[in-house]
Amino acid sequence: MKAQELRNKNPEELKRLLQEKRVELCKTRFDIKANQTRDNQSQKRIKKDVARILTILNSNNKSK
């Protein structure tokens, strides 16, 4: 997900999306450990999405 798309969302949507991404990351970690998936890049992509969301939430909090 791109940062510009995230900036257009309100904080409530961002918090909901953050929760979804964290759950998805947890499931991906378990799948990788259990050798159910070979897509290790998905974990990296999800972690970056979580970082983007947190960055935007923190910048919104500081600007208010």
Protein backbone atom coordinates (compact mmCIF):
# COMPACT_ATOMS: atom_id res chain seq x y z
CA MET A 1 0.00 0.00 0.00
CA LYS A 2 1.35 3.41 -0.90
CA ALA A 3 1.85 6.20 1.61
CA GLN A 4 -0.36 8.60 -0.34
CA GLU A 5 -3.27 6.17 -0.12
CA LEU A 6 -2.76 5.93 3.62
CA ARG A 7 -2.62 9.69 4.11
CA ASN A 8 -6.08 10.01 2.56
CA LYS A 9 -7.61 7.75 5.23
CA ASN A 10 -8.88 8.95 8.58
CA PRO A 11 -7.18 7.81 11.83
CA GLU A 12 -9.94 5.30 12.65
CA GLU A 13 -9.47 3.54 9.32
CA LEU A 14 -5.71 3.54 9.82
CA LYS A 15 -6.03 1.95 13.24
CA ARG A 16 -8.33 -0.75 11.86
CA LEU A 17 -5.94 -1.39 8.97
CA LEU A 18 -3.01 -1.54 11.38
CA GLN A 19 -4.77 -4.21 13.42
CA GLU A 20 -5.52 -6.22 10.27
CA LYS A 21 -1.90 -6.01 9.09
CA ARG A 22 -0.60 -7.16 12.48
CA VAL A 23 -2.89 -10.20 12.40
CA GLU A 24 -1.83 -10.92 8.83
CA LEU A 25 1.83 -10.66 9.85
CA CYS A 26 1.30 -13.10 12.69
CA LYS A 27 -0.37 -15.62 10.36
CA THR A 28 2.42 -15.19 7.81
CA ARG A 29 5.08 -15.84 10.44
CA PHE A 30 3.37 -19.07 11.49
CA ASP A 31 3.00 -20.18 7.87
CA ILE A 32 6.69 -19.57 7.20
CA LYS A 33 7.75 -21.45 10.34
CA ALA A 34 5.46 -24.37 9.48
CA ASN A 35 6.80 -24.45 5.90
CA GLN A 36 3.31 -23.88 4.53
CA THR A 37 4.44 -21.01 2.36
CA ARG A 38 7.59 -20.16 0.49
CA ASP A 39 6.73 -16.48 0.05
CA ASN A 40 9.14 -14.84 2.50
CA GLN A 41 8.76 -11.48 0.79
CA SER A 42 5.18 -11.15 2.02
CA GLN A 43 6.43 -10.85 5.61
CA LYS A 44 8.79 -8.07 4.60
CA ARG A 45 6.05 -6.25 2.68
CA ILE A 46 3.60 -6.46 5.59
CA LYS A 47 6.20 -5.15 8.06
CA LYS A 48 6.81 -2.16 5.81
CA ASP A 49 3.07 -1.49 5.58
CA VAL A 50 2.83 -1.55 9.39
CA ALA A 51 5.72 0.91 9.62
CA ARG A 52 4.09 3.24 7.08
CA ILE A 53 0.79 3.22 8.96
CA LEU A 54 2.49 3.92 12.30
CA THR A 55 4.52 6.74 10.76
CA ILE A 56 1.42 8.42 9.36
CA LEU A 57 -0.51 7.99 12.63
CA ASN A 58 2.38 9.51 14.60
CA SER A 59 2.81 12.42 12.20
CA ASN A 60 -0.94 13.14 12.42
CA ASN A 61 -0.77 13.14 16.23
CA LYS A 62 2.18 15.53 16.31
CA SER A 63 0.63 17.96 13.86
CA LYS A 64 -2.51 18.37 15.99
